[in-house]
Amino acid sequence: MAIAVLGGGCFWCIEGVLNSLKGVNSVLPAYAGGESKDPDYNSVCSGNTGHAEVVVIEYDAEKISFETLLEVFFTIHDPTQLNRQGNDIGSQYRSCIMPMESGQAETAEKVVEEMSPHFDSPIVTTIEKAINLTIAEEYHHDYYAKNPDNRYCQVMINPKLVKVRARFSHLL
């Protein structure tokens, strides 16, 4: 199994979509990229830790490539928004790729370059180290699956799922 770490706003949104892909074994919400060695939801949400809300994806690279994961990732969030996704504002919601395995940084750079013409503004997604990577509290795990009727899930996650179903149905 391969590991990828991605941040694109609220981790519930990214987790809820990526969990539906063939070849993805698990998606766990986490915090990474900040100085604190013991971050938690409240401290990360304050915007003072330097951490981003991210997901740790365990996937079978023979069934889905890192490049394909990134293509889906760039479909489900706006990589041109600096330190925000919609109403979620702050560096904790930054768009980021945190390479965990050999070749991921180079693949990330290539995909960013290939995706750039598809956006009206420059991509601001960072490629950074997953320092102080910490799995989020249990109540965040599988949030969408456990709370599909939640208003936030309906307004924020469902439209992302519709996009993925339309563009990547072969991956579901």
N, C-alpha and C. Protein backbone atom coordinates (compact mmCIF):
# COMPACT_ATOMS: atom_id res chain seq x y z
N MET A 1 0.83 -1.19 0.00
CA MET A 1 0.00 0.00 0.00
C MET A 1 0.88 1.25 0.00
N ALA A 2 0.42 2.25 -0.73
CA ALA A 2 1.11 3.53 -0.80
C ALA A 2 0.36 4.53 0.08
N ILE A 3 1.06 5.60 0.44
CA ILE A 3 0.49 6.65 1.28
C ILE A 3 0.60 7.99 0.57
N ALA A 4 -0.46 8.78 0.64
CA ALA A 4 -0.45 10.15 0.13
C ALA A 4 -1.06 11.05 1.20
N VAL A 5 -0.59 12.29 1.27
CA VAL A 5 -1.15 13.27 2.20
C VAL A 5 -1.52 14.51 1.40
N LEU A 6 -2.81 14.90 1.48
CA LEU A 6 -3.32 16.04 0.72
C LEU A 6 -4.16 16.93 1.62
N GLY A 7 -4.09 18.23 1.39
CA GLY A 7 -4.93 19.19 2.10
C GLY A 7 -5.61 20.10 1.11
N GLY A 8 -6.92 20.25 1.26
CA GLY A 8 -7.68 21.09 0.35
C GLY A 8 -8.90 21.66 1.03
N GLY A 9 -8.69 22.35 2.15
CA GLY A 9 -9.81 22.87 2.92
C GLY A 9 -10.16 21.91 4.03
N CYS A 10 -11.42 21.89 4.37
CA CYS A 10 -11.90 21.02 5.44
C CYS A 10 -11.63 19.56 5.10
N PHE A 11 -11.04 18.83 6.03
CA PHE A 11 -10.70 17.43 5.73
C PHE A 11 -11.93 16.55 5.54
N TRP A 12 -13.08 16.96 6.07
CA TRP A 12 -14.29 16.17 5.86
C TRP A 12 -14.63 16.08 4.38
N CYS A 13 -14.44 17.19 3.66
CA CYS A 13 -14.78 17.22 2.23
C CYS A 13 -13.88 16.31 1.42
N ILE A 14 -12.60 16.38 1.66
CA ILE A 14 -11.65 15.57 0.90
C ILE A 14 -11.84 14.09 1.23
N GLU A 15 -11.98 13.79 2.51
CA GLU A 15 -12.18 12.40 2.95
C GLU A 15 -13.44 11.81 2.35
N GLY A 16 -14.54 12.54 2.40
CA GLY A 16 -15.82 12.04 1.93
C GLY A 16 -15.81 11.64 0.47
N VAL A 17 -15.03 12.36 -0.34
CA VAL A 17 -14.96 12.05 -1.77
C VAL A 17 -13.95 10.94 -2.05
N LEU A 18 -12.75 11.06 -1.53
CA LEU A 18 -11.69 10.10 -1.85
C LEU A 18 -12.01 8.70 -1.35
N ASN A 19 -12.80 8.59 -0.30
CA ASN A 19 -13.21 7.27 0.20
C ASN A 19 -14.00 6.47 -0.83
N SER A 20 -14.57 7.15 -1.82
CA SER A 20 -15.42 6.47 -2.80
C SER A 20 -14.64 5.90 -3.99
N LEU A 21 -13.33 6.13 -4.04
CA LEU A 21 -12.53 5.71 -5.20
C LEU A 21 -12.03 4.28 -5.09
N LYS A 22 -12.09 3.55 -6.21
CA LYS A 22 -11.51 2.20 -6.27
C LYS A 22 -10.02 2.30 -6.03
N GLY A 23 -9.50 1.40 -5.23
CA GLY A 23 -8.08 1.38 -4.96
C GLY A 23 -7.69 2.15 -3.72
N VAL A 24 -8.62 2.96 -3.19
CA VAL A 24 -8.35 3.68 -1.95
C VAL A 24 -8.79 2.79 -0.80
N ASN A 25 -7.84 2.44 0.05
CA ASN A 25 -8.10 1.55 1.17
C ASN A 25 -8.65 2.30 2.37
N SER A 26 -8.07 3.46 2.66
CA SER A 26 -8.55 4.26 3.79
C SER A 26 -8.16 5.72 3.60
N VAL A 27 -8.96 6.58 4.21
CA VAL A 27 -8.68 8.02 4.22
C VAL A 27 -8.91 8.49 5.64
N LEU A 28 -7.88 9.01 6.25
CA LEU A 28 -7.98 9.48 7.63
C LEU A 28 -7.74 10.99 7.71
N PRO A 29 -8.60 11.72 8.41
CA PRO A 29 -8.36 13.14 8.61
C PRO A 29 -7.17 13.31 9.56
N ALA A 30 -6.38 14.36 9.29
CA ALA A 30 -5.17 14.57 10.08
C ALA A 30 -4.79 16.04 10.06
N TYR A 31 -3.72 16.35 10.79
CA TYR A 31 -3.14 17.68 10.81
C TYR A 31 -1.66 17.51 10.47
N ALA A 32 -1.12 18.43 9.68
CA ALA A 32 0.31 18.35 9.34
C ALA A 32 0.81 19.70 8.88
N GLY A 33 2.13 19.85 8.96
CA GLY A 33 2.77 21.04 8.42
C GLY A 33 3.03 22.14 9.42
N GLY A 34 2.70 21.92 10.68
CA GLY A 34 2.89 22.95 11.69
C GLY A 34 3.96 22.58 12.70
N GLU A 35 4.21 23.50 13.59
CA GLU A 35 5.28 23.32 14.58
C GLU A 35 4.86 22.48 15.79
N SER A 36 3.61 22.52 16.16
CA SER A 36 3.15 21.79 17.34
C SER A 36 3.28 20.29 17.12
N LYS A 37 3.81 19.60 18.10
CA LYS A 37 3.96 18.15 18.00
C LYS A 37 2.70 17.42 18.45
N ASP A 38 1.75 18.13 19.04
CA ASP A 38 0.53 17.51 19.54
C ASP A 38 -0.70 18.38 19.21
N PRO A 39 -0.96 18.59 17.91
CA PRO A 39 -2.09 19.45 17.55
C PRO A 39 -3.42 18.75 17.79
N ASP A 40 -4.44 19.54 18.02
CA ASP A 40 -5.80 19.02 18.10
C ASP A 40 -6.70 19.97 17.30
N TYR A 41 -7.95 19.58 17.15
CA TYR A 41 -8.86 20.33 16.30
C TYR A 41 -8.97 21.80 16.71
N ASN A 42 -9.15 22.06 18.00
CA ASN A 42 -9.32 23.44 18.44
C ASN A 42 -8.07 24.27 18.19
N SER A 43 -6.89 23.72 18.45
CA SER A 43 -5.68 24.50 18.24
C SER A 43 -5.43 24.74 16.75
N VAL A 44 -5.70 23.75 15.91
CA VAL A 44 -5.51 23.92 14.46
C VAL A 44 -6.52 24.93 13.92
N CYS A 45 -7.77 24.85 14.35
CA CYS A 45 -8.79 25.79 13.89
C CYS A 45 -8.48 27.23 14.28
N SER A 46 -7.70 27.42 15.33
CA SER A 46 -7.32 28.78 15.75
C SER A 46 -6.44 29.44 14.70
N GLY A 47 -5.81 28.63 13.86
CA GLY A 47 -4.91 29.18 12.84
C GLY A 47 -3.53 29.50 13.35
N ASN A 48 -3.24 29.17 14.61
CA ASN A 48 -1.97 29.56 15.22
C ASN A 48 -0.90 28.46 15.22
N THR A 49 -1.23 27.25 14.78
CA THR A 49 -0.26 26.15 14.87
C THR A 49 0.58 25.98 13.61
N GLY A 50 0.10 26.50 12.49
CA GLY A 50 0.80 26.29 11.22
C GLY A 50 0.39 25.00 10.52
N HIS A 51 -0.42 24.19 11.18
CA HIS A 51 -0.88 22.94 10.58
C HIS A 51 -1.97 23.20 9.55
N ALA A 52 -2.08 22.29 8.61
CA ALA A 52 -3.20 22.26 7.67
C ALA A 52 -4.06 21.06 8.03
N GLU A 53 -5.35 21.19 7.76
CA GLU A 53 -6.22 20.02 7.82
C GLU A 53 -5.91 19.22 6.56
N VAL A 54 -5.52 17.97 6.73
CA VAL A 54 -5.14 17.12 5.60
C VAL A 54 -5.82 15.76 5.74
N VAL A 55 -5.67 14.96 4.71
CA VAL A 55 -6.09 13.56 4.80
C VAL A 55 -4.89 12.69 4.47
N VAL A 56 -4.81 11.56 5.16
CA VAL A 56 -3.79 10.55 4.91
C VAL A 56 -4.50 9.44 4.15
N ILE A 57 -4.07 9.23 2.92
CA ILE A 57 -4.72 8.27 2.04
C ILE A 57 -3.83 7.05 1.90
N GLU A 58 -4.39 5.89 2.21
CA GLU A 58 -3.70 4.63 1.95
C GLU A 58 -4.37 4.05 0.71
N TYR A 59 -3.55 3.79 -0.33
CA TYR A 59 -4.12 3.34 -1.59
C TYR A 59 -3.23 2.29 -2.26
N ASP A 60 -3.86 1.52 -3.13
CA ASP A 60 -3.17 0.50 -3.91
C ASP A 60 -2.73 1.15 -5.21
N ALA A 61 -1.44 1.40 -5.35
CA ALA A 61 -0.90 2.11 -6.52
C ALA A 61 -1.07 1.31 -7.81
N GLU A 62 -1.39 0.03 -7.71
CA GLU A 62 -1.66 -0.75 -8.91
C GLU A 62 -3.09 -0.56 -9.40
N LYS A 63 -3.96 -0.05 -8.52
CA LYS A 63 -5.35 0.18 -8.89
C LYS A 63 -5.65 1.65 -9.17
N ILE A 64 -4.95 2.56 -8.48
CA ILE A 64 -5.12 3.99 -8.69
C ILE A 64 -3.76 4.66 -8.46
N SER A 65 -3.36 5.46 -9.39
CA SER A 65 -2.04 6.10 -9.30
C SER A 65 -2.11 7.38 -8.47
N PHE A 66 -0.97 7.82 -8.00
CA PHE A 66 -0.87 9.09 -7.28
C PHE A 66 -1.31 10.22 -8.21
N GLU A 67 -0.93 10.14 -9.46
CA GLU A 67 -1.33 11.16 -10.44
C GLU A 67 -2.85 11.24 -10.55
N THR A 68 -3.51 10.11 -10.60
CA THR A 68 -4.97 10.11 -10.69
C THR A 68 -5.59 10.67 -9.41
N LEU A 69 -5.04 10.32 -8.25
CA LEU A 69 -5.52 10.90 -7.00
C LEU A 69 -5.43 12.43 -7.05
N LEU A 70 -4.32 12.94 -7.59
CA LEU A 70 -4.15 14.39 -7.69
C LEU A 70 -5.15 15.00 -8.67
N GLU A 71 -5.43 14.32 -9.76
CA GLU A 71 -6.42 14.84 -10.71
C GLU A 71 -7.80 14.96 -10.04
N VAL A 72 -8.18 13.97 -9.26
CA VAL A 72 -9.44 14.04 -8.52
C VAL A 72 -9.36 15.17 -7.48
N PHE A 73 -8.27 15.25 -6.77
CA PHE A 73 -8.04 16.28 -5.76
C PHE A 73 -8.24 17.68 -6.34
N PHE A 74 -7.69 17.93 -7.52
CA PHE A 74 -7.82 19.25 -8.14
C PHE A 74 -9.23 19.50 -8.67
N THR A 75 -10.04 18.47 -8.73
CA THR A 75 -11.43 18.62 -9.16
C THR A 75 -12.34 18.96 -7.99
N ILE A 76 -11.95 18.56 -6.79
CA ILE A 76 -12.85 18.70 -5.64
C ILE A 76 -12.52 19.86 -4.72
N HIS A 77 -11.54 20.66 -5.09
CA HIS A 77 -11.28 21.88 -4.32
C HIS A 77 -10.73 22.93 -5.28
N ASP A 78 -10.64 24.16 -4.82
CA ASP A 78 -10.14 25.25 -5.66
C ASP A 78 -8.69 25.53 -5.29
N PRO A 79 -7.75 25.04 -6.10
CA PRO A 79 -6.33 25.21 -5.77
C PRO A 79 -5.81 26.63 -6.04
N THR A 80 -6.69 27.53 -6.44
CA THR A 80 -6.27 28.90 -6.70
C THR A 80 -6.58 29.83 -5.52
N GLN A 81 -7.23 29.30 -4.50
CA GLN A 81 -7.55 30.11 -3.32
C GLN A 81 -6.44 29.97 -2.28
N LEU A 82 -5.81 31.06 -1.96
CA LEU A 82 -4.72 31.05 -0.98
C LEU A 82 -5.29 31.03 0.43
N ASN A 83 -4.89 30.00 1.18
CA ASN A 83 -5.27 29.88 2.59
C ASN A 83 -6.77 29.96 2.83
N ARG A 84 -7.52 29.28 1.98
CA ARG A 84 -8.97 29.22 2.18
C ARG A 84 -9.59 28.24 1.21
N GLN A 85 -10.79 27.82 1.54
CA GLN A 85 -11.68 27.10 0.63
C GLN A 85 -13.07 27.60 0.97
N GLY A 86 -13.62 28.41 0.08
CA GLY A 86 -14.94 28.99 0.32
C GLY A 86 -14.95 29.81 1.59
N ASN A 87 -15.86 29.48 2.51
CA ASN A 87 -15.97 30.22 3.77
C ASN A 87 -14.97 29.78 4.83
N ASP A 88 -14.22 28.70 4.57
CA ASP A 88 -13.18 28.26 5.50
C ASP A 88 -11.92 29.06 5.19
N ILE A 89 -11.56 29.95 6.10
CA ILE A 89 -10.46 30.88 5.86
C ILE A 89 -9.36 30.68 6.89
N GLY A 90 -8.12 30.64 6.42
CA GLY A 90 -6.95 30.51 7.28
C GLY A 90 -5.97 29.51 6.68
N SER A 91 -4.73 29.59 7.11
CA SER A 91 -3.69 28.71 6.55
C SER A 91 -3.97 27.23 6.84
N GLN A 92 -4.82 26.95 7.84
CA GLN A 92 -5.17 25.56 8.14
C GLN A 92 -6.01 24.94 7.03
N TYR A 93 -6.54 25.77 6.12
CA TYR A 93 -7.35 25.28 5.00
C TYR A 93 -6.61 25.39 3.67
N ARG A 94 -5.29 25.56 3.73
CA ARG A 94 -4.52 25.73 2.51
C ARG A 94 -4.55 24.49 1.63
N SER A 95 -4.34 24.73 0.36
CA SER A 95 -4.22 23.64 -0.61
C SER A 95 -2.77 23.18 -0.58
N CYS A 96 -2.57 21.90 -0.25
CA CYS A 96 -1.20 21.41 -0.14
C CYS A 96 -1.09 19.93 -0.49
N ILE A 97 0.07 19.59 -0.97
CA ILE A 97 0.44 18.20 -1.25
C ILE A 97 1.67 17.94 -0.41
N MET A 98 1.64 16.87 0.36
CA MET A 98 2.75 16.55 1.24
C MET A 98 3.30 15.17 0.85
N PRO A 99 4.29 15.16 -0.04
CA PRO A 99 4.83 13.89 -0.52
C PRO A 99 5.33 13.00 0.61
N MET A 100 4.97 11.73 0.51
CA MET A 100 5.36 10.75 1.52
C MET A 100 6.24 9.65 0.94
N GLU A 101 6.26 9.55 -0.39
CA GLU A 101 6.97 8.46 -1.03
C GLU A 101 7.80 8.99 -2.18
N SER A 102 8.79 8.23 -2.56
CA SER A 102 9.68 8.59 -3.65
C SER A 102 8.89 8.87 -4.92
N GLY A 103 9.20 9.96 -5.57
CA GLY A 103 8.57 10.32 -6.83
C GLY A 103 7.31 11.16 -6.70
N GLN A 104 6.74 11.24 -5.50
CA GLN A 104 5.50 12.00 -5.36
C GLN A 104 5.69 13.50 -5.57
N ALA A 105 6.80 14.05 -5.12
CA ALA A 105 7.04 15.49 -5.30
C ALA A 105 7.12 15.82 -6.79
N GLU A 106 7.84 15.02 -7.54
CA GLU A 106 7.98 15.25 -8.98
C GLU A 106 6.64 15.10 -9.68
N THR A 107 5.87 14.09 -9.31
CA THR A 107 4.55 13.89 -9.89
C THR A 107 3.65 15.07 -9.56
N ALA A 108 3.71 15.54 -8.33
CA ALA A 108 2.90 16.69 -7.91
C ALA A 108 3.24 17.92 -8.75
N GLU A 109 4.52 18.19 -8.93
CA GLU A 109 4.93 19.34 -9.75
C GLU A 109 4.41 19.21 -11.17
N LYS A 110 4.49 18.02 -11.73
CA LYS A 110 4.02 17.76 -13.10
C LYS A 110 2.51 17.99 -13.21
N VAL A 111 1.75 17.46 -12.26
CA VAL A 111 0.30 17.60 -12.30
C VAL A 111 -0.10 19.06 -12.11
N VAL A 112 0.55 19.78 -11.22
CA VAL A 112 0.25 21.20 -11.04
C VAL A 112 0.47 21.94 -12.36
N GLU A 113 1.57 21.66 -13.02
CA GLU A 113 1.86 22.30 -14.30
C GLU A 113 0.80 21.95 -15.35
N GLU A 114 0.42 20.68 -15.41
CA GLU A 114 -0.59 20.23 -16.39
C GLU A 114 -1.97 20.79 -16.10
N MET A 115 -2.31 20.97 -14.82
CA MET A 115 -3.63 21.46 -14.44
C MET A 115 -3.76 22.98 -14.55
N SER A 116 -2.65 23.69 -14.50
CA SER A 116 -2.67 25.16 -14.47
C SER A 116 -3.52 25.79 -15.57
N PRO A 117 -3.45 25.33 -16.82
CA PRO A 117 -4.25 25.96 -17.86
C PRO A 117 -5.77 25.81 -17.67
N HIS A 118 -6.19 24.91 -16.80
CA HIS A 118 -7.61 24.67 -16.58
C HIS A 118 -8.24 25.63 -15.57
N PHE A 119 -7.44 26.52 -15.01
CA PHE A 119 -7.93 27.47 -14.01
C PHE A 119 -7.68 28.90 -14.49
N ASP A 120 -8.56 29.81 -14.10
CA ASP A 120 -8.45 31.22 -14.49
C ASP A 120 -7.39 31.97 -13.70
N SER A 121 -7.03 31.45 -12.53
CA SER A 121 -6.02 32.08 -11.67
C SER A 121 -4.90 31.07 -11.43
N PRO A 122 -3.74 31.57 -11.01
CA PRO A 122 -2.62 30.65 -10.74
C PRO A 122 -2.93 29.66 -9.60
N ILE A 123 -2.44 28.45 -9.74
CA ILE A 123 -2.55 27.45 -8.67
C ILE A 123 -1.58 27.84 -7.56
N VAL A 124 -2.09 27.85 -6.32
CA VAL A 124 -1.27 28.23 -5.17
C VAL A 124 -0.98 27.04 -4.26
N THR A 125 -1.31 25.85 -4.71
CA THR A 125 -1.08 24.62 -3.95
C THR A 125 0.40 24.51 -3.61
N THR A 126 0.70 24.30 -2.35
CA THR A 126 2.08 24.13 -1.93
C THR A 126 2.46 22.65 -1.94
N ILE A 127 3.73 22.39 -2.13
CA ILE A 127 4.28 21.05 -1.99
C ILE A 127 5.23 21.17 -0.81
N GLU A 128 4.88 20.52 0.29
CA GLU A 128 5.60 20.74 1.54
C GLU A 128 5.71 19.44 2.33
N LYS A 129 6.59 19.45 3.30
CA LYS A 129 6.78 18.27 4.15
C LYS A 129 5.64 18.12 5.14
N ALA A 130 5.32 16.89 5.44
CA ALA A 130 4.24 16.56 6.39
C ALA A 130 4.80 16.52 7.80
N ILE A 131 5.39 17.62 8.23
CA ILE A 131 5.97 17.63 9.57
C ILE A 131 4.86 17.56 10.63
N ASN A 132 5.18 16.90 11.71
CA ASN A 132 4.26 16.75 12.84
C ASN A 132 2.88 16.24 12.40
N LEU A 133 2.90 15.26 11.52
CA LEU A 133 1.66 14.63 11.05
C LEU A 133 0.98 13.92 12.21
N THR A 134 -0.27 14.28 12.45
CA THR A 134 -1.04 13.72 13.56
C THR A 134 -2.44 13.38 13.08
N ILE A 135 -2.87 12.16 13.29
CA ILE A 135 -4.23 11.75 12.93
C ILE A 135 -5.22 12.51 13.81
N ALA A 136 -6.28 13.02 13.20
CA ALA A 136 -7.30 13.79 13.92
C ALA A 136 -8.10 12.90 14.86
N GLU A 137 -8.82 13.56 15.72
CA GLU A 137 -9.65 12.88 16.71
C GLU A 137 -10.67 11.96 16.01
N GLU A 138 -11.03 10.89 16.69
CA GLU A 138 -11.91 9.86 16.15
C GLU A 138 -13.23 10.42 15.60
N TYR A 139 -13.80 11.43 16.25
CA TYR A 139 -15.11 11.91 15.80
C TYR A 139 -15.07 12.55 14.41
N HIS A 140 -13.87 12.81 13.87
CA HIS A 140 -13.74 13.33 12.50
C HIS A 140 -13.69 12.20 11.47
N HIS A 141 -13.38 11.00 11.89
CA HIS A 141 -13.20 9.88 10.96
C HIS A 141 -14.54 9.51 10.31
N ASP A 142 -14.51 9.35 8.99
CA ASP A 142 -15.72 8.98 8.24
C ASP A 142 -16.88 9.93 8.52
N TYR A 143 -16.57 11.20 8.66
CA TYR A 143 -17.59 12.18 9.05
C TYR A 143 -18.75 12.20 8.06
N TYR A 144 -18.46 12.24 6.78
CA TYR A 144 -19.53 12.28 5.79
C TYR A 144 -20.38 11.01 5.84
N ALA A 145 -19.74 9.87 5.91
CA ALA A 145 -20.48 8.60 5.94
C ALA A 145 -21.39 8.52 7.16
N LYS A 146 -20.94 9.08 8.27
CA LYS A 146 -21.73 9.04 9.50
C LYS A 146 -22.77 10.15 9.59
N ASN A 147 -22.60 11.22 8.77
CA ASN A 147 -23.47 12.40 8.88
C ASN A 147 -23.94 12.90 7.51
N PRO A 148 -24.44 12.03 6.65
CA PRO A 148 -24.79 12.48 5.29
C PRO A 148 -25.91 13.51 5.26
N ASP A 149 -26.75 13.57 6.28
CA ASP A 149 -27.85 14.53 6.31
C ASP A 149 -27.47 15.86 6.96
N ASN A 150 -26.25 15.93 7.48
CA ASN A 150 -25.75 17.17 8.06
C ASN A 150 -25.77 18.27 6.99
N ARG A 151 -26.21 19.45 7.34
CA ARG A 151 -26.33 20.56 6.36
C ARG A 151 -24.99 20.86 5.70
N TYR A 152 -23.91 20.89 6.46
CA TYR A 152 -22.58 21.15 5.88
C TYR A 152 -22.25 20.09 4.84
N CYS A 153 -22.50 18.85 5.15
CA CYS A 153 -22.22 17.76 4.21
C CYS A 153 -23.04 17.92 2.93
N GLN A 154 -24.31 18.26 3.07
CA GLN A 154 -25.17 18.42 1.91
C GLN A 154 -24.72 19.58 1.03
N VAL A 155 -24.34 20.67 1.65
CA VAL A 155 -23.98 21.87 0.89
C VAL A 155 -22.55 21.80 0.34
N MET A 156 -21.63 21.23 1.09
CA MET A 156 -20.21 21.27 0.69
C MET A 156 -19.71 19.97 0.04
N ILE A 157 -20.11 18.83 0.55
CA ILE A 157 -19.55 17.57 0.07
C ILE A 157 -20.35 16.99 -1.10
N ASN A 158 -21.68 17.04 -1.02
CA ASN A 158 -22.48 16.47 -2.10
C ASN A 158 -22.13 17.04 -3.48
N PRO A 159 -21.95 18.35 -3.64
CA PRO A 159 -21.58 18.87 -4.96
C PRO A 159 -20.22 18.33 -5.45
N LYS A 160 -19.31 18.09 -4.55
CA LYS A 160 -18.01 17.52 -4.92
C LYS A 160 -18.19 16.09 -5.42
N LEU A 161 -19.05 15.34 -4.75
CA LEU A 161 -19.33 13.97 -5.18
C LEU A 161 -19.99 13.95 -6.56
N VAL A 162 -20.87 14.90 -6.82
CA VAL A 162 -21.52 15.00 -8.14
C VAL A 162 -20.46 15.24 -9.22
N LYS A 163 -19.51 16.14 -8.95
CA LYS A 163 -18.43 16.41 -9.92
C LYS A 163 -17.61 15.16 -10.20
N VAL A 164 -17.26 14.46 -9.14
CA VAL A 164 -16.44 13.26 -9.30
C VAL A 164 -17.21 12.17 -10.05
N ARG A 165 -18.47 12.02 -9.73
CA ARG A 165 -19.28 11.01 -10.45
C ARG A 165 -19.36 11.33 -11.94
N ALA A 166 -19.46 12.61 -12.27
CA ALA A 166 -19.57 13.01 -13.68
C ALA A 166 -18.25 12.83 -14.42
N ARG A 167 -17.16 13.17 -13.77
CA ARG A 167 -15.86 13.17 -14.46
C ARG A 167 -15.07 11.87 -14.28
N PHE A 168 -15.25 11.22 -13.15
CA PHE A 168 -14.42 10.06 -12.82
C PHE A 168 -15.25 8.82 -12.47
N SER A 169 -16.38 8.64 -13.11
CA SER A 169 -17.26 7.52 -12.77
C SER A 169 -16.54 6.17 -12.88
N HIS A 170 -15.57 6.08 -13.78
CA HIS A 170 -14.81 4.84 -13.95
C HIS A 170 -13.95 4.51 -12.73
N LEU A 171 -13.76 5.48 -11.85
CA LEU A 171 -12.94 5.25 -10.65
C LEU A 171 -13.76 4.87 -9.42
N LEU A 172 -15.08 4.94 -9.54
CA LEU A 172 -15.95 4.70 -8.39
C LEU A 172 -16.30 3.22 -8.25
